[in-house]
Amino acid sequence: MTAQSTQLSTLPLPNAAVEMLWRGDAIAAIKVVRAERNLGLKEAKDLVDVYIRSQPSLRQKIEQAQAETWQKLKRGLIVALIFAAAAAYFFFQIR
């Protein structure tokens, strides 16, 4: 951890960013931190990551939200593949 990241980790997160994190939206939280603290992307992300690591229940909630998102993505891809296979089957049956 560099001196700048140590200095950043002592800054409190804006309330809006904390609310976004508890909703499971880390990207929105980073955007809020960037806007309110006038930081670069890396610095804002580091600050949010430090906060998340300091809050075990928040980290668990975010990990659960990410797992649910991956599950939805997998289901969507499977459904799309089934429809594509059915469309291909009917297309080649007509020929």
C-alpha atoms as a PDB file:
ATOM      1  CA  MET A   1       0.000   0.000   0.000  1.00  0.00           C
ATOM      2  CA  THR A   2       1.452   3.338  -1.036  1.00  0.00           C
ATOM      3  CA  ALA A   3       1.453   6.507   1.037  1.00  0.00           C
ATOM      4  CA  GLN A   4      -1.274   7.987  -1.167  1.00  0.00           C
ATOM      5  CA  SER A   5      -3.529   4.925  -0.819  1.00  0.00           C
ATOM      6  CA  THR A   6      -2.953   4.944   2.950  1.00  0.00           C
ATOM      7  CA  GLN A   7      -3.957   8.595   3.018  1.00  0.00           C
ATOM      8  CA  LEU A   8      -7.050   7.846   0.890  1.00  0.00           C
ATOM      9  CA  SER A   9      -8.119   4.969   3.118  1.00  0.00           C
ATOM     10  CA  THR A  10      -8.560   7.400   6.019  1.00  0.00           C
ATOM     11  CA  LEU A  11     -11.138   9.425   4.046  1.00  0.00           C
ATOM     12  CA  PRO A  12     -14.726   8.498   4.838  1.00  0.00           C
ATOM     13  CA  LEU A  13     -16.917   7.495   1.927  1.00  0.00           C
ATOM     14  CA  PRO A  14     -19.762   9.819   0.966  1.00  0.00           C
ATOM     15  CA  ASN A  15     -23.135   8.646   2.303  1.00  0.00           C
ATOM     16  CA  ALA A  16     -24.460   8.236  -1.242  1.00  0.00           C
ATOM     17  CA  ALA A  17     -21.585   5.870  -2.061  1.00  0.00           C
ATOM     18  CA  VAL A  18     -22.240   3.797   1.064  1.00  0.00           C
ATOM     19  CA  GLU A  19     -25.915   3.532   0.112  1.00  0.00           C
ATOM     20  CA  MET A  20     -24.956   2.384  -3.387  1.00  0.00           C
ATOM     21  CA  LEU A  21     -22.664  -0.269  -1.919  1.00  0.00           C
ATOM     22  CA  TRP A  22     -25.405  -1.614   0.332  1.00  0.00           C
ATOM     23  CA  ARG A  23     -27.632  -1.865  -2.750  1.00  0.00           C
ATOM     24  CA  GLY A  24     -24.886  -3.948  -4.351  1.00  0.00           C
ATOM     25  CA  ASP A  25     -23.842  -1.366  -6.937  1.00  0.00           C
ATOM     26  CA  ALA A  26     -20.093  -0.933  -6.522  1.00  0.00           C
ATOM     27  CA  ILE A  27     -19.688   0.782  -9.896  1.00  0.00           C
ATOM     28  CA  ALA A  28     -22.168   3.510  -8.967  1.00  0.00           C
ATOM     29  CA  ALA A  29     -20.389   3.911  -5.624  1.00  0.00           C
ATOM     30  CA  ILE A  30     -17.067   4.428  -7.407  1.00  0.00           C
ATOM     31  CA  LYS A  31     -18.703   7.038  -9.661  1.00  0.00           C
ATOM     32  CA  VAL A  32     -20.063   8.894  -6.623  1.00  0.00           C
ATOM     33  CA  VAL A  33     -16.657   8.838  -4.903  1.00  0.00           C
ATOM     34  CA  ARG A  34     -14.967  10.117  -8.062  1.00  0.00           C
ATOM     35  CA  ALA A  35     -17.453  12.966  -8.411  1.00  0.00           C
ATOM     36  CA  GLU A  36     -17.571  14.036  -4.762  1.00  0.00           C
ATOM     37  CA  ARG A  37     -13.879  13.594  -3.924  1.00  0.00           C
ATOM     38  CA  ASN A  38     -12.522  14.665  -7.337  1.00  0.00           C
ATOM     39  CA  LEU A  39     -10.385  11.509  -7.565  1.00  0.00           C
ATOM     40  CA  GLY A  40      -9.197   9.424 -10.476  1.00  0.00           C
ATOM     41  CA  LEU A  41     -10.730   6.054 -11.263  1.00  0.00           C
ATOM     42  CA  LYS A  42      -7.979   4.008  -9.576  1.00  0.00           C
ATOM     43  CA  GLU A  43      -8.002   6.103  -6.418  1.00  0.00           C
ATOM     44  CA  ALA A  44     -11.798   5.984  -6.143  1.00  0.00           C
ATOM     45  CA  LYS A  45     -11.834   2.222  -6.737  1.00  0.00           C
ATOM     46  CA  ASP A  46      -9.102   1.712  -4.129  1.00  0.00           C
ATOM     47  CA  LEU A  47     -11.056   3.769  -1.592  1.00  0.00           C
ATOM     48  CA  VAL A  48     -14.237   1.774  -2.227  1.00  0.00           C
ATOM     49  CA  ASP A  49     -12.293  -1.520  -2.043  1.00  0.00           C
ATOM     50  CA  VAL A  50     -10.784  -0.543   1.321  1.00  0.00           C
ATOM     51  CA  TYR A  51     -14.252   0.243   2.640  1.00  0.00           C
ATOM     52  CA  ILE A  52     -15.662  -3.050   1.361  1.00  0.00           C
ATOM     53  CA  ARG A  53     -12.805  -5.014   2.968  1.00  0.00           C
ATOM     54  CA  SER A  54     -13.479  -3.265   6.273  1.00  0.00           C
ATOM     55  CA  GLN A  55     -17.148  -4.340   6.236  1.00  0.00           C
ATOM     56  CA  PRO A  56     -17.421  -8.167   6.182  1.00  0.00           C
ATOM     57  CA  SER A  57     -21.215  -8.183   5.919  1.00  0.00           C
ATOM     58  CA  LEU A  58     -21.066  -5.781   2.978  1.00  0.00           C
ATOM     59  CA  ARG A  59     -18.413  -7.902   1.276  1.00  0.00           C
ATOM     60  CA  GLN A  60     -20.607 -10.973   1.698  1.00  0.00           C
ATOM     61  CA  LYS A  61     -23.620  -9.135   0.271  1.00  0.00           C
ATOM     62  CA  ILE A  62     -21.650  -7.942  -2.772  1.00  0.00           C
ATOM     63  CA  GLU A  63     -20.242 -11.415  -3.390  1.00  0.00           C
ATOM     64  CA  GLN A  64     -23.767 -12.835  -3.196  1.00  0.00           C
ATOM     65  CA  ALA A  65     -25.050 -10.201  -5.657  1.00  0.00           C
ATOM     66  CA  GLN A  66     -22.205 -11.032  -8.046  1.00  0.00           C
ATOM     67  CA  ALA A  67     -22.977 -14.746  -7.811  1.00  0.00           C
ATOM     68  CA  GLU A  68     -26.656 -14.089  -8.559  1.00  0.00           C
ATOM     69  CA  THR A  69     -25.692 -11.958 -11.560  1.00  0.00           C
ATOM     70  CA  TRP A  70     -23.501 -14.744 -12.943  1.00  0.00           C
ATOM     71  CA  GLN A  71     -26.340 -17.233 -12.453  1.00  0.00           C
ATOM     72  CA  LYS A  72     -28.748 -14.993 -14.385  1.00  0.00           C
ATOM     73  CA  LEU A  73     -26.183 -14.557 -17.150  1.00  0.00           C
ATOM     74  CA  LYS A  74     -25.657 -18.309 -17.417  1.00  0.00           C
ATOM     75  CA  ARG A  75     -29.409 -18.943 -17.577  1.00  0.00           C
ATOM     76  CA  GLY A  76     -29.818 -16.281 -20.240  1.00  0.00           C
ATOM     77  CA  LEU A  77     -27.045 -17.778 -22.349  1.00  0.00           C
ATOM     78  CA  ILE A  78     -28.541 -21.260 -22.056  1.00  0.00           C
ATOM     79  CA  VAL A  79     -31.961 -19.973 -23.129  1.00  0.00           C
ATOM     80  CA  ALA A  80     -30.399 -18.095 -26.062  1.00  0.00           C
ATOM     81  CA  LEU A  81     -28.533 -21.229 -27.146  1.00  0.00           C
ATOM     82  CA  ILE A  82     -31.728 -23.303 -26.978  1.00  0.00           C
ATOM     83  CA  PHE A  83     -33.585 -20.775 -29.130  1.00  0.00           C
ATOM     84  CA  ALA A  84     -30.680 -20.600 -31.586  1.00  0.00           C
ATOM     85  CA  ALA A  85     -30.597 -24.396 -31.843  1.00  0.00           C
ATOM     86  CA  ALA A  86     -34.363 -24.538 -32.388  1.00  0.00           C
ATOM     87  CA  ALA A  87     -34.193 -21.813 -35.040  1.00  0.00           C
ATOM     88  CA  ALA A  88     -31.355 -23.615 -36.821  1.00  0.00           C
ATOM     89  CA  TYR A  89     -33.269 -26.892 -36.695  1.00  0.00           C
ATOM     90  CA  PHE A  90     -36.381 -25.349 -38.244  1.00  0.00           C
ATOM     91  CA  PHE A  91     -34.333 -23.405 -40.781  1.00  0.00           C
ATOM     92  CA  PHE A  92     -32.563 -26.526 -42.032  1.00  0.00           C
ATOM     93  CA  GLN A  93     -35.809 -28.539 -42.019  1.00  0.00           C
ATOM     94  CA  ILE A  94     -37.348 -26.116 -44.509  1.00  0.00           C
ATOM     95  CA  ARG A  95     -34.446 -26.515 -46.958  1.00  0.00           C
END
